[in-house]
């Protein structure tokens, strides 16, 4: 367990050093927006499906 933690720490530090800060922030926000959009669509589809099941 300790070995994998150390490996992840080294990889994370390498990523921080090699990528410019703005690129990291842009990537995080792009992923966040798309994950949010997909979740909202999934919840809306689920609600519509449940409503249709209840009233048939």
N, C-alpha and C. Protein backbone atom coordinates (compact mmCIF):
# COMPACT_ATOMS: atom_id res chain seq x y z
N UNK A 1 0.84 -1.18 0.00
CA UNK A 1 0.00 0.00 0.00
C UNK A 1 0.88 1.25 0.00
N UNK A 2 1.92 1.25 0.78
CA UNK A 2 2.78 2.41 0.87
C UNK A 2 3.51 2.65 -0.44
N UNK A 3 3.87 1.58 -1.13
CA UNK A 3 4.60 1.73 -2.38
C UNK A 3 3.74 2.42 -3.44
N UNK A 4 2.47 2.03 -3.57
CA UNK A 4 1.60 2.65 -4.56
C UNK A 4 1.33 4.11 -4.20
N UNK A 5 1.22 4.42 -2.92
CA UNK A 5 1.02 5.80 -2.49
C UNK A 5 2.21 6.65 -2.89
N UNK A 6 3.41 6.13 -2.71
CA UNK A 6 4.62 6.86 -3.09
C UNK A 6 4.67 7.04 -4.60
N UNK A 7 4.27 6.04 -5.35
CA UNK A 7 4.26 6.13 -6.81
C UNK A 7 3.29 7.21 -7.26
N UNK A 8 2.09 7.24 -6.68
CA UNK A 8 1.12 8.27 -7.04
C UNK A 8 1.62 9.66 -6.68
N UNK A 9 2.29 9.78 -5.56
CA UNK A 9 2.84 11.07 -5.15
C UNK A 9 3.89 11.55 -6.14
N UNK A 10 4.76 10.66 -6.55
CA UNK A 10 5.81 11.02 -7.51
C UNK A 10 5.19 11.41 -8.85
N UNK A 11 4.21 10.63 -9.31
CA UNK A 11 3.55 10.95 -10.57
C UNK A 11 2.81 12.28 -10.50
N UNK A 12 2.15 12.54 -9.39
CA UNK A 12 1.44 13.80 -9.22
C UNK A 12 2.41 14.98 -9.22
N UNK A 13 3.51 14.85 -8.51
CA UNK A 13 4.50 15.92 -8.49
C UNK A 13 5.12 16.14 -9.87
N UNK A 14 5.36 15.05 -10.59
CA UNK A 14 5.89 15.16 -11.95
C UNK A 14 4.89 15.88 -12.85
N UNK A 15 3.62 15.57 -12.69
CA UNK A 15 2.58 16.21 -13.48
C UNK A 15 2.51 17.70 -13.16
N UNK A 16 2.60 18.06 -11.90
CA UNK A 16 2.55 19.47 -11.51
C UNK A 16 3.73 20.24 -12.07
N UNK A 17 4.90 19.63 -12.04
CA UNK A 17 6.11 20.32 -12.51
C UNK A 17 6.11 20.47 -14.03
N UNK A 18 5.61 19.46 -14.75
CA UNK A 18 5.72 19.47 -16.20
C UNK A 18 4.59 20.23 -16.89
N UNK A 19 3.42 20.33 -16.29
CA UNK A 19 2.31 21.03 -16.92
C UNK A 19 2.18 22.45 -16.38
N UNK A 20 1.92 23.39 -17.25
CA UNK A 20 1.66 24.75 -16.76
C UNK A 20 0.38 24.77 -15.93
N UNK A 21 0.31 25.64 -14.97
CA UNK A 21 -0.82 25.71 -14.05
C UNK A 21 -2.14 25.97 -14.74
N UNK A 22 -2.13 26.83 -15.74
CA UNK A 22 -3.38 27.17 -16.42
C UNK A 22 -3.96 25.96 -17.15
N UNK A 23 -3.12 25.14 -17.73
CA UNK A 23 -3.62 23.96 -18.43
C UNK A 23 -4.29 22.99 -17.47
N UNK A 24 -3.75 22.86 -16.29
CA UNK A 24 -4.35 21.97 -15.30
C UNK A 24 -5.74 22.48 -14.90
N UNK A 25 -5.84 23.78 -14.63
CA UNK A 25 -7.12 24.36 -14.21
C UNK A 25 -8.14 24.25 -15.33
N UNK A 26 -7.73 24.54 -16.56
CA UNK A 26 -8.64 24.43 -17.70
C UNK A 26 -9.14 22.99 -17.85
N UNK A 27 -8.25 22.03 -17.72
CA UNK A 27 -8.65 20.62 -17.83
C UNK A 27 -9.63 20.23 -16.75
N UNK A 28 -9.42 20.68 -15.53
CA UNK A 28 -10.32 20.34 -14.42
C UNK A 28 -11.69 20.94 -14.66
N UNK A 29 -11.74 22.19 -15.09
CA UNK A 29 -13.03 22.83 -15.30
C UNK A 29 -13.76 22.26 -16.51
N UNK A 30 -13.05 21.89 -17.56
CA UNK A 30 -13.70 21.26 -18.71
C UNK A 30 -14.32 19.93 -18.29
N UNK A 31 -13.57 19.14 -17.55
CA UNK A 31 -14.09 17.85 -17.09
C UNK A 31 -15.29 18.07 -16.17
N UNK A 32 -15.20 19.07 -15.31
CA UNK A 32 -16.30 19.35 -14.39
C UNK A 32 -17.56 19.76 -15.10
N UNK A 33 -17.42 20.60 -16.13
CA UNK A 33 -18.59 21.06 -16.88
C UNK A 33 -19.24 19.88 -17.59
N UNK A 34 -18.44 19.06 -18.26
CA UNK A 34 -19.01 17.95 -19.02
C UNK A 34 -19.61 16.89 -18.10
N UNK A 35 -18.99 16.64 -16.99
CA UNK A 35 -19.56 15.68 -16.04
C UNK A 35 -20.87 16.22 -15.50
N UNK A 36 -20.92 17.51 -15.21
CA UNK A 36 -22.15 18.13 -14.74
C UNK A 36 -23.26 18.06 -15.78
N UNK A 37 -22.94 18.35 -17.02
CA UNK A 37 -23.93 18.29 -18.10
C UNK A 37 -24.46 16.87 -18.25
N UNK A 38 -23.58 15.90 -18.25
CA UNK A 38 -24.00 14.51 -18.39
C UNK A 38 -24.88 14.07 -17.22
N UNK A 39 -24.52 14.48 -16.01
CA UNK A 39 -25.33 14.12 -14.84
C UNK A 39 -26.70 14.75 -14.90
N UNK A 40 -26.79 16.02 -15.31
CA UNK A 40 -28.09 16.68 -15.41
C UNK A 40 -28.96 15.99 -16.44
N UNK A 41 -28.40 15.66 -17.58
CA UNK A 41 -29.17 14.96 -18.62
C UNK A 41 -29.63 13.60 -18.11
N UNK A 42 -28.74 12.88 -17.43
CA UNK A 42 -29.10 11.56 -16.91
C UNK A 42 -30.23 11.66 -15.89
N UNK A 43 -30.18 12.65 -15.02
CA UNK A 43 -31.23 12.81 -14.01
C UNK A 43 -32.56 13.18 -14.68
N UNK A 44 -32.52 14.07 -15.68
CA UNK A 44 -33.75 14.43 -16.39
C UNK A 44 -34.36 13.23 -17.10
N UNK A 45 -33.53 12.43 -17.74
CA UNK A 45 -34.03 11.23 -18.42
C UNK A 45 -34.65 10.27 -17.41
N UNK A 46 -34.00 10.10 -16.27
CA UNK A 46 -34.53 9.22 -15.23
C UNK A 46 -35.88 9.73 -14.71
N UNK A 47 -36.00 11.03 -14.48
CA UNK A 47 -37.26 11.59 -13.99
C UNK A 47 -38.37 11.40 -15.02
N UNK A 48 -38.07 11.69 -16.28
CA UNK A 48 -39.07 11.52 -17.34
C UNK A 48 -39.49 10.05 -17.45
N UNK A 49 -38.53 9.15 -17.36
CA UNK A 49 -38.83 7.72 -17.43
C UNK A 49 -39.73 7.29 -16.26
N UNK A 50 -39.41 7.78 -15.06
CA UNK A 50 -40.22 7.43 -13.88
C UNK A 50 -41.64 7.97 -14.00
N UNK A 51 -41.78 9.20 -14.48
CA UNK A 51 -43.10 9.79 -14.64
C UNK A 51 -43.92 9.01 -15.65
N UNK A 52 -43.30 8.62 -16.74
CA UNK A 52 -44.01 7.82 -17.76
C UNK A 52 -44.43 6.46 -17.20
N UNK A 53 -43.57 5.85 -16.38
CA UNK A 53 -43.92 4.56 -15.79
C UNK A 53 -45.08 4.70 -14.82
N UNK A 54 -45.14 5.79 -14.07
CA UNK A 54 -46.20 5.97 -13.08
C UNK A 54 -47.56 6.21 -13.72
N UNK A 55 -47.60 6.90 -14.83
CA UNK A 55 -48.88 7.29 -15.43
C UNK A 55 -49.32 6.41 -16.59
N UNK A 56 -48.73 5.26 -16.78
CA UNK A 56 -49.18 4.34 -17.82
C UNK A 56 -50.10 3.31 -17.28
